[in-house]
Amino acid sequence: MKKYLAMIAAIVVLLSTLVCGALPAAADGTITIYSIVPLTINGNTVAQFPVTVSSGSTVSLLYQEYYLSQGDRYVFQGWSDGTKTTSITLTGSGTITANWSHEILIQVTSVVASLRQSIWVPYGIPYKLKVEAEYNNGDNRYEFLQWSGGETPYLTENNIVPLAPMSIEAQFAKEYLVTIMAPDGVTVSGSGWYQDGDSVILQAPQDIYDTTKTSRQDFKTWENVGTAMVLANPTSAVMTLTVKGPYTLQADYQQQYLVTAVSPFGALNHDWVTDSEQEQLSAPDTQAVVTDQEEYVFTQWTGIQGLVSPKVSGTVTQPLALTAVYEHRYKVTLVAPSGGSGDGWIKAGTMTTITVPATTQKGLFMRSRFTGFAGYSGKSTSLQVLVQGPMTITALYSTGLDLRVVGIIIAALLVAIVLWGLIRRIKLPSWFK
């Protein structure tokens, strides 16, 4: 930097000396011409200066812009006497200087189109280049990274010292806006600005429960809004997205309700069912505790009125909590020759009346007569018992000759003898013999 400043100072001193005529004055009637760019004097091209000419000579410009190379030039600024014309006629005596500014071409390149430019700047004089930190185009933007050269390349304001033609790039990262939307009250992550090609993780809660924990919003899918894209796993609440442009995604949820069903023997169902979908519930008809002695029999569902079948189905539009109600029963077994009534599966804790016939026929001549129930007092053919467990009731009978049948037989024999005797005394017709 010090080297550059010293060079600039030397040039300024030299120009000041030339303009102010610090060199020895020319002889009367002659004029000394100074220039760093070729001129025509009296129609002849002159490239070496200083040159002394006589008064009345005509000096003209060959170029208003003299290029040393494509990016290095001198630009005519005027004559030292203050005139700006391209041709002058000299009079009197003294000196005159063609003043030229030395300029260097700076080419600024960038992905941001508005920043691209070619500018001519004074040679050797520090020049400031400035850009904004961000250029926003709505859903895409450019974020400043750095300059490709200069004294402060990582700042948006950068100083350069132009000593030769140069190209400098304002480097920016292109970013796209990713917008993630969700229903009210649902917090999702992933929205923001991302560089082209970045991978971003989109995350939404899988489920949002109400205060009762029986109703929830269940994540369904990521839905693209606007720009078409292919999503790798749209039904996952956590998904990785490669950014190739501005995207807007909607996290879609579906209403679900908790459907539970329990019985005295444990859980039968615990499902989250989507609103308006069909659900089927099933409970066992019977549940044996001890085979052929103790069981539970389904009677109804509680939670919804009118459900009396162990198998039910319907459309779910609200949370459901059903309980399968069972009746506790014990097996009451009646042991009796001709059976009876009041036995079978009886509800636990209830009374049942066992009834048996007073007599039963045992063949042609024998009859059994009820004498009581084993283990119970009394001779009644009906017995009320409290069912608190599996039971066996035995009806006792005594068996003896059935006198009614014997009497009937004897009477029949007597009638037959009497009839035979009568027939013997009566003279029968010949056709009867």
Protein backbone atom coordinates (compact mmCIF):
# COMPACT_ATOMS: atom_id res chain seq x y z
CA MET A 1 0.00 0.00 0.00
CA LYS A 2 2.83 2.41 0.85
CA LYS A 3 4.41 1.65 -2.51
CA TYR A 4 1.19 2.60 -4.29
CA LEU A 5 0.78 5.82 -2.36
CA ALA A 6 4.38 6.86 -3.09
CA MET A 7 3.83 6.26 -6.80
CA ILE A 8 0.66 8.33 -6.76
CA ALA A 9 2.39 11.16 -4.97
CA ALA A 10 5.21 11.17 -7.55
CA ILE A 11 2.73 11.38 -10.44
CA VAL A 12 0.88 14.27 -8.79
CA VAL A 13 4.15 16.19 -8.27
CA LEU A 14 5.20 15.64 -11.89
CA LEU A 15 1.85 16.81 -13.28
CA SER A 16 1.89 19.83 -11.03
CA THR A 17 5.33 20.73 -12.23
CA LEU A 18 4.34 20.42 -15.87
CA VAL A 19 1.13 22.41 -15.45
CA CYS A 20 2.73 25.14 -13.45
CA GLY A 21 5.61 25.50 -15.89
CA ALA A 22 8.35 24.74 -13.37
CA LEU A 23 10.68 23.70 -16.23
CA PRO A 24 12.92 26.37 -17.83
CA ALA A 25 10.95 28.75 -20.03
CA ALA A 26 11.36 28.46 -23.82
CA ALA A 27 13.03 31.17 -25.93
CA ASP A 28 10.90 34.04 -27.22
CA GLY A 29 8.61 33.02 -30.11
CA THR A 30 8.85 29.30 -29.30
CA ILE A 31 6.56 27.03 -27.35
CA THR A 32 7.45 23.70 -25.70
CA ILE A 33 4.80 20.97 -25.93
CA TYR A 34 4.41 18.15 -23.37
CA SER A 35 2.29 15.02 -23.78
CA ILE A 36 2.40 11.34 -22.88
CA VAL A 37 0.23 10.43 -25.88
CA PRO A 38 1.19 11.02 -29.55
CA LEU A 39 -0.09 14.28 -31.16
CA THR A 40 -0.03 15.85 -34.61
CA ILE A 41 1.95 19.05 -34.95
CA ASN A 42 1.47 20.94 -38.17
CA GLY A 43 0.09 17.71 -39.68
CA ASN A 44 2.97 15.51 -38.55
CA THR A 45 2.61 12.77 -35.93
CA VAL A 46 4.91 13.26 -32.95
CA ALA A 47 5.28 10.57 -30.28
CA GLN A 48 8.30 11.84 -28.33
CA PHE A 49 7.93 14.81 -25.99
CA PRO A 50 8.81 17.50 -25.03
CA VAL A 51 8.88 19.17 -28.45
CA THR A 52 9.58 22.86 -29.11
CA VAL A 53 7.76 24.58 -31.93
CA SER A 54 7.43 28.11 -33.20
CA SER A 55 4.49 30.35 -32.46
CA GLY A 56 1.63 29.82 -34.90
CA SER A 57 2.03 26.03 -34.96
CA THR A 58 -1.11 23.90 -34.86
CA VAL A 59 -1.32 21.01 -32.40
CA SER A 60 -4.11 18.41 -32.71
CA LEU A 61 -5.18 15.20 -30.98
CA LEU A 62 -4.80 11.89 -32.71
CA TYR A 63 -6.97 10.23 -30.05
CA GLN A 64 -9.26 11.42 -27.34
CA GLU A 65 -8.85 7.99 -25.78
CA TYR A 66 -5.52 6.30 -26.24
CA TYR A 67 -5.48 2.56 -25.44
CA LEU A 68 -2.29 0.91 -24.27
CA SER A 69 -4.28 -2.34 -24.14
CA GLN A 70 -7.90 -3.35 -24.03
CA GLY A 71 -8.14 -2.43 -20.36
CA ASP A 72 -5.51 0.30 -20.04
CA ARG A 73 -6.02 3.77 -21.54
CA TYR A 74 -5.36 7.48 -21.41
CA VAL A 75 -8.28 9.88 -21.72
CA PHE A 76 -7.77 13.49 -22.86
CA GLN A 77 -8.73 15.99 -20.17
CA GLY A 78 -7.78 19.28 -21.88
CA TRP A 79 -4.85 21.61 -22.40
CA SER A 80 -2.93 23.25 -19.66
CA ASP A 81 -4.21 26.66 -20.77
CA GLY A 82 -7.74 25.50 -19.91
CA THR A 83 -9.05 24.84 -23.40
CA LYS A 84 -10.77 21.52 -24.23
CA THR A 85 -10.69 21.61 -28.02
CA THR A 86 -9.10 18.79 -29.97
CA SER A 87 -6.93 21.24 -31.94
CA ILE A 88 -5.22 24.50 -30.93
CA THR A 89 -2.98 27.08 -32.61
CA LEU A 90 -0.07 28.16 -30.44
CA THR A 91 0.79 31.79 -29.98
CA GLY A 92 3.38 33.62 -27.97
CA SER A 93 5.99 31.66 -26.10
CA GLY A 94 6.18 29.30 -23.13
CA THR A 95 4.91 25.73 -22.55
CA ILE A 96 1.69 23.87 -23.05
CA THR A 97 0.75 20.41 -21.84
CA ALA A 98 -1.84 17.96 -23.10
CA ASN A 99 -3.38 16.61 -19.90
CA TRP A 100 -4.36 12.91 -19.89
CA SER A 101 -5.93 10.77 -17.18
CA HIS A 102 -4.63 7.22 -16.86
CA GLU A 103 -7.52 4.77 -16.42
CA ILE A 104 -7.72 1.05 -15.78
CA LEU A 105 -10.70 -1.15 -16.72
CA ILE A 106 -12.28 -3.06 -13.86
CA GLN A 107 -14.79 -5.80 -14.73
CA VAL A 108 -17.15 -6.77 -11.94
CA THR A 109 -18.82 -10.16 -12.41
CA SER A 110 -21.48 -11.81 -10.27
CA VAL A 111 -24.42 -14.20 -10.36
CA VAL A 112 -26.46 -11.15 -9.41
CA ALA A 113 -27.12 -9.63 -12.82
CA SER A 114 -27.54 -6.07 -11.56
CA LEU A 115 -23.99 -6.05 -10.21
CA ARG A 116 -22.27 -6.94 -13.47
CA GLN A 117 -20.45 -3.93 -14.88
CA SER A 118 -17.28 -2.68 -16.55
CA ILE A 119 -15.88 0.54 -15.09
CA TRP A 120 -12.87 2.69 -15.85
CA VAL A 121 -11.11 3.92 -12.71
CA PRO A 122 -8.04 6.15 -12.15
CA TYR A 123 -4.78 4.28 -12.26
CA GLY A 124 -3.15 3.64 -8.88
CA ILE A 125 -5.85 5.33 -6.82
CA PRO A 126 -7.67 3.13 -4.30
CA TYR A 127 -11.20 2.40 -5.48
CA LYS A 128 -14.09 1.19 -3.37
CA LEU A 129 -16.46 -1.53 -4.58
CA LYS A 130 -19.67 -1.99 -2.63
CA VAL A 131 -22.54 -4.50 -2.75
CA GLU A 132 -25.46 -5.33 -0.50
CA ALA A 133 -25.31 -8.27 1.86
CA GLU A 134 -28.51 -9.67 0.36
CA TYR A 135 -30.53 -9.36 -2.84
CA ASN A 136 -34.05 -10.66 -2.32
CA ASN A 137 -36.39 -11.68 -5.14
CA GLY A 138 -39.29 -12.92 -3.04
CA ASP A 139 -38.88 -16.68 -2.75
CA ASN A 140 -35.24 -16.72 -3.82
CA ARG A 141 -32.30 -14.54 -2.87
CA TYR A 142 -28.54 -14.10 -3.08
CA GLU A 143 -26.46 -13.97 0.09
CA PHE A 144 -23.01 -12.34 -0.09
CA LEU A 145 -20.06 -14.67 0.44
CA GLN A 146 -16.89 -12.81 -0.59
CA TRP A 147 -14.98 -10.99 -3.30
CA SER A 148 -12.52 -12.92 -5.44
CA GLY A 149 -9.82 -10.36 -4.63
CA GLY A 150 -9.10 -7.00 -3.06
CA GLU A 151 -7.94 -5.78 0.32
CA THR A 152 -11.12 -6.69 2.25
CA PRO A 153 -12.62 -9.60 0.29
CA TYR A 154 -14.93 -10.79 3.09
CA LEU A 155 -16.67 -7.46 3.52
CA THR A 156 -19.38 -6.03 1.32
CA GLU A 157 -17.20 -2.91 0.93
CA ASN A 158 -13.92 -3.82 -0.70
CA ASN A 159 -10.91 -1.65 -1.63
CA ILE A 160 -8.82 -2.31 -4.72
CA VAL A 161 -5.77 -0.47 -6.14
CA PRO A 162 -6.01 -0.59 -9.96
CA LEU A 163 -2.52 -1.00 -11.43
CA ALA A 164 -3.56 -3.27 -14.29
CA PRO A 165 -6.81 -4.37 -15.91
CA MET A 166 -8.60 -6.79 -13.65
CA SER A 167 -11.74 -8.84 -13.24
CA ILE A 168 -13.22 -9.25 -9.79
CA GLU A 169 -16.20 -11.35 -8.81
CA ALA A 170 -18.73 -10.58 -6.14
CA GLN A 171 -19.51 -14.09 -5.01
CA PHE A 172 -22.98 -14.90 -3.73
CA ALA A 173 -24.78 -18.04 -2.63
CA LYS A 174 -28.17 -18.56 -4.22
CA GLU A 175 -30.79 -19.46 -1.66
CA TYR A 176 -34.39 -20.59 -1.92
CA LEU A 177 -37.21 -20.06 0.53
CA VAL A 178 -38.77 -23.23 1.92
CA THR A 179 -42.13 -22.61 3.60
CA ILE A 180 -43.73 -25.25 5.80
CA MET A 181 -47.39 -24.81 6.70
CA ALA A 182 -49.56 -26.70 9.18
CA PRO A 183 -53.00 -26.47 10.80
CA ASP A 184 -53.50 -23.94 13.59
CA GLY A 185 -51.78 -24.95 16.78
CA VAL A 186 -49.40 -27.40 15.09
CA THR A 187 -45.70 -26.56 15.25
CA VAL A 188 -43.55 -27.76 12.35
CA SER A 189 -39.88 -27.21 11.57
CA GLY A 190 -37.97 -26.80 8.32
CA SER A 191 -39.04 -23.36 7.11
CA GLY A 192 -36.22 -21.02 6.11
CA TRP A 193 -33.68 -20.05 3.49
CA TYR A 194 -31.47 -22.78 2.05
CA GLN A 195 -28.71 -22.85 -0.52
CA ASP A 196 -29.29 -24.65 -3.78
CA GLY A 197 -28.66 -28.37 -3.22
CA ASP A 198 -28.93 -28.25 0.57
CA SER A 199 -30.70 -31.04 2.41
CA VAL A 200 -33.32 -29.91 4.88
CA ILE A 201 -35.12 -32.04 7.44
CA LEU A 202 -38.86 -31.39 7.59
CA GLN A 203 -40.39 -32.40 10.88
CA ALA A 204 -43.99 -32.38 12.09
CA PRO A 205 -45.47 -34.00 15.19
CA GLN A 206 -46.87 -37.43 14.41
CA ASP A 207 -49.93 -36.87 16.60
CA ILE A 208 -51.57 -33.94 18.41
CA TYR A 209 -53.83 -35.04 21.25
CA ASP A 210 -56.69 -33.19 22.88
CA THR A 211 -56.86 -32.80 26.64
CA THR A 212 -58.85 -36.01 27.06
CA LYS A 213 -56.31 -38.08 25.12
CA THR A 214 -59.22 -39.69 23.25
CA SER A 215 -59.15 -37.50 20.15
CA ARG A 216 -56.14 -36.59 18.06
CA GLN A 217 -54.86 -35.16 14.80
CA ASP A 218 -52.77 -37.85 13.13
CA PHE A 219 -50.14 -36.92 10.51
CA LYS A 220 -51.23 -38.05 7.08
CA THR A 221 -48.90 -36.64 4.40
CA TRP A 222 -46.79 -33.76 3.15
CA GLU A 223 -48.68 -32.01 0.37
CA ASN A 224 -46.89 -29.92 -2.23
CA VAL A 225 -48.33 -26.44 -2.75
CA GLY A 226 -47.21 -24.75 -5.96
CA THR A 227 -43.90 -25.90 -7.43
CA ALA A 228 -44.04 -29.53 -8.57
CA MET A 229 -41.60 -31.89 -6.90
CA VAL A 230 -41.14 -35.55 -6.09
CA LEU A 231 -41.10 -36.27 -2.35
CA ALA A 232 -39.09 -39.25 -1.18
CA ASN A 233 -41.34 -40.27 1.72
CA PRO A 234 -44.37 -37.97 1.90
CA THR A 235 -46.26 -40.04 4.49
CA SER A 236 -43.48 -39.77 7.09
CA ALA A 237 -43.73 -36.95 9.63
CA VAL A 238 -39.92 -36.61 9.43
CA MET A 239 -38.63 -36.26 5.88
CA THR A 240 -35.45 -35.08 4.15
CA LEU A 241 -35.87 -32.67 1.24
CA THR A 242 -33.20 -31.67 -1.29
CA VAL A 243 -33.64 -28.00 -2.11
CA LYS A 244 -33.69 -27.27 -5.83
CA GLY A 245 -36.00 -24.29 -5.81
CA PRO A 246 -38.51 -22.40 -3.68
CA TYR A 247 -40.94 -24.86 -2.10
CA THR A 248 -44.12 -24.61 -0.08
CA LEU A 249 -45.32 -27.74 1.73
CA GLN A 250 -48.43 -28.35 3.81
CA ALA A 251 -48.45 -30.85 6.67
CA ASP A 252 -51.85 -32.55 6.38
CA TYR A 253 -53.52 -34.24 9.34
CA GLN A 254 -56.56 -36.49 9.74
CA GLN A 255 -58.99 -36.61 12.66
CA GLN A 256 -58.87 -39.82 14.66
CA TYR A 257 -60.77 -41.11 17.67
CA LEU A 258 -59.77 -43.65 20.30
CA VAL A 259 -61.99 -46.74 20.30
CA THR A 260 -61.55 -49.04 23.28
CA ALA A 261 -63.36 -52.19 24.32
CA VAL A 262 -62.78 -54.08 27.57
CA SER A 263 -64.26 -57.07 29.32
CA PRO A 264 -63.83 -58.55 32.80
CA PHE A 265 -61.09 -60.67 31.27
CA GLY A 266 -58.97 -57.88 29.76
CA ALA A 267 -58.74 -55.50 26.82
CA LEU A 268 -60.54 -56.43 23.64
CA ASN A 269 -59.68 -53.40 21.49
CA HIS A 270 -57.54 -50.26 21.61
CA ASP A 271 -57.50 -48.61 18.20
CA TRP A 272 -57.23 -45.12 16.78
CA VAL A 273 -59.84 -44.91 14.04
CA THR A 274 -60.00 -42.21 11.37
CA ASP A 275 -63.15 -40.10 11.41
CA SER A 276 -66.07 -41.66 9.49
CA GLU A 277 -64.34 -45.01 9.02
CA GLN A 278 -65.92 -48.37 9.91
CA GLU A 279 -64.85 -50.26 13.01
CA GLN A 280 -65.75 -53.80 14.16
CA LEU A 281 -65.70 -54.99 17.76
CA SER A 282 -66.09 -58.53 19.01
CA ALA A 283 -66.34 -60.14 22.41
CA PRO A 284 -66.55 -63.90 23.17
CA ASP A 285 -70.08 -65.25 23.67
CA THR A 286 -69.01 -67.20 26.74
CA GLN A 287 -65.91 -67.43 28.86
CA ALA A 288 -65.45 -70.70 30.75
CA VAL A 289 -63.83 -70.56 34.17
CA VAL A 290 -64.15 -74.25 34.95
CA THR A 291 -65.49 -76.28 32.08
CA ASP A 292 -69.09 -77.36 32.63
CA GLN A 293 -69.10 -75.84 36.13
CA GLU A 294 -68.57 -72.08 35.99
CA GLU A 295 -68.76 -69.57 33.12
CA TYR A 296 -69.43 -65.99 32.11
CA VAL A 297 -72.02 -65.25 29.40
CA PHE A 298 -72.10 -62.01 27.35
CA THR A 299 -75.20 -59.91 27.93
CA GLN A 300 -74.60 -56.42 26.46
CA TRP A 301 -72.21 -53.53 25.79
CA THR A 302 -72.17 -50.42 27.92
CA GLY A 303 -71.04 -47.09 26.46
CA ILE A 304 -73.67 -47.08 23.72
CA GLN A 305 -77.29 -47.98 24.33
CA GLY A 306 -78.92 -50.88 22.59
CA LEU A 307 -75.87 -53.05 21.83
CA VAL A 308 -76.76 -56.57 22.90
CA SER A 309 -74.77 -58.61 20.37
CA PRO A 310 -71.17 -59.59 21.15
CA LYS A 311 -70.24 -58.57 17.60
CA VAL A 312 -70.92 -54.96 16.60
CA SER A 313 -69.79 -52.60 13.83
CA GLY A 314 -70.44 -49.02 12.81
CA THR A 315 -69.12 -45.65 11.63
CA VAL A 316 -66.84 -43.89 14.10
CA THR A 317 -67.53 -40.16 14.57
CA GLN A 318 -66.45 -39.73 18.19
CA PRO A 319 -64.35 -41.41 20.86
CA LEU A 320 -65.83 -44.70 22.06
CA ALA A 321 -65.23 -46.62 25.28
CA LEU A 322 -67.25 -49.83 25.40
CA THR A 323 -67.40 -52.42 28.14
CA ALA A 324 -68.59 -55.94 27.54
CA VAL A 325 -70.92 -56.95 30.36
CA TYR A 326 -71.04 -60.63 31.34
CA GLU A 327 -73.33 -62.63 33.62
CA HIS A 328 -71.59 -64.95 36.07
CA ARG A 329 -73.21 -68.38 36.08
CA TYR A 330 -72.77 -71.70 37.87
CA LYS A 331 -73.88 -75.09 36.66
CA VAL A 332 -76.66 -76.64 38.81
CA THR A 333 -76.99 -80.36 38.05
CA LEU A 334 -80.12 -82.25 39.02
CA VAL A 335 -79.87 -86.00 39.49
CA ALA A 336 -83.37 -87.48 39.33
CA PRO A 337 -84.77 -90.59 37.63
CA SER A 338 -87.21 -88.61 35.52
CA GLY A 339 -85.51 -85.29 35.60
CA GLY A 340 -87.11 -82.08 36.78
CA SER A 341 -86.84 -78.34 36.40
CA GLY A 342 -84.76 -75.47 37.81
CA ASP A 343 -81.38 -76.93 36.98
CA GLY A 344 -78.84 -75.84 34.29
CA TRP A 345 -76.74 -72.66 34.13
CA ILE A 346 -77.97 -70.31 36.86
CA LYS A 347 -76.86 -66.72 37.54
CA ALA A 348 -74.47 -66.57 40.47
CA GLY A 349 -76.00 -65.22 43.68
CA THR A 350 -79.60 -65.92 42.69
CA MET A 351 -82.18 -68.41 43.93
CA THR A 352 -83.37 -71.30 41.78
CA THR A 353 -86.27 -73.65 42.45
CA ILE A 354 -85.64 -77.32 41.80
CA THR A 355 -88.81 -79.28 41.15
CA VAL A 356 -89.11 -83.04 40.59
CA PRO A 357 -92.15 -85.35 40.13
CA ALA A 358 -93.55 -87.03 43.27
CA THR A 359 -93.54 -90.49 41.66
CA THR A 360 -92.09 -92.17 38.64
CA GLN A 361 -93.01 -95.47 37.03
CA LYS A 362 -90.39 -98.24 37.04
CA GLY A 363 -91.58 -100.90 34.64
CA LEU A 364 -95.10 -102.38 34.73
CA PHE A 365 -95.41 -103.30 38.39
CA MET A 366 -92.90 -100.98 40.11
CA ARG A 367 -93.17 -97.30 41.06
CA SER A 368 -90.63 -94.89 42.65
CA ARG A 369 -91.87 -92.43 45.20
CA PHE A 370 -90.00 -89.20 46.08
CA THR A 371 -88.61 -89.24 49.60
CA GLY A 372 -86.55 -85.97 49.65
CA PHE A 373 -83.44 -84.23 48.36
CA ALA A 374 -80.06 -85.51 49.51
CA GLY A 375 -78.59 -83.20 52.10
CA TYR A 376 -81.82 -81.27 52.59
CA SER A 377 -84.66 -81.81 55.06
CA GLY A 378 -88.28 -81.90 54.05
CA LYS A 379 -90.36 -84.02 51.71
CA SER A 380 -91.47 -81.29 49.29
CA THR A 381 -90.82 -81.99 45.65
CA SER A 382 -89.73 -78.33 45.23
CA LEU A 383 -86.49 -77.02 46.69
CA GLN A 384 -85.17 -73.44 46.62
CA VAL A 385 -81.39 -73.09 46.73
CA LEU A 386 -79.00 -70.06 46.60
CA VAL A 387 -76.54 -70.58 43.80
CA GLN A 388 -73.07 -69.59 44.98
CA GLY A 389 -71.09 -72.21 43.14
CA PRO A 390 -71.47 -75.28 40.98
CA MET A 391 -74.02 -77.62 42.60
CA THR A 392 -75.39 -81.14 42.23
CA ILE A 393 -78.89 -81.76 43.65
CA THR A 394 -79.94 -85.39 44.02
CA ALA A 395 -83.62 -86.35 44.28
CA LEU A 396 -84.13 -89.48 46.41
CA TYR A 397 -86.80 -92.04 45.57
CA SER A 398 -87.95 -95.35 47.11
CA THR A 399 -89.10 -98.07 44.73
CA GLY A 400 -91.87 -100.59 45.47
CA LEU A 401 -94.73 -102.61 43.95
CA ASP A 402 -97.20 -100.41 42.18
CA LEU A 403 -100.44 -101.45 43.98
CA ARG A 404 -102.56 -99.53 41.54
CA VAL A 405 -101.36 -101.68 38.68
CA VAL A 406 -101.74 -104.90 40.75
CA GLY A 407 -105.29 -103.93 41.74
CA ILE A 408 -106.21 -103.23 38.16
CA ILE A 409 -104.87 -106.59 37.05
CA ILE A 410 -106.69 -108.49 39.82
CA ALA A 411 -109.92 -106.66 39.01
CA ALA A 412 -109.52 -107.50 35.37
CA LEU A 413 -109.03 -111.21 36.20
CA LEU A 414 -112.12 -111.29 38.36
CA VAL A 415 -114.16 -109.68 35.62
CA ALA A 416 -112.84 -112.23 33.18
CA ILE A 417 -113.78 -115.20 35.45
CA VAL A 418 -117.25 -113.87 36.00
CA LEU A 419 -117.77 -113.37 32.31
CA TRP A 420 -116.54 -116.90 31.56
CA GLY A 421 -118.91 -118.39 34.05
CA LEU A 422 -121.83 -116.54 32.56
CA ILE A 423 -120.91 -117.68 29.11
CA ARG A 424 -120.86 -121.32 30.20
CA ARG A 425 -124.45 -121.14 31.45
CA ILE A 426 -125.86 -119.52 28.36
CA LYS A 427 -126.66 -121.71 25.36
CA LEU A 428 -124.77 -120.13 22.57
CA PRO A 429 -125.95 -120.08 18.92
CA SER A 430 -124.52 -122.63 16.62
CA TRP A 431 -122.61 -120.07 14.64
CA PHE A 432 -120.76 -119.03 17.86
CA LYS A 433 -119.42 -122.50 18.65
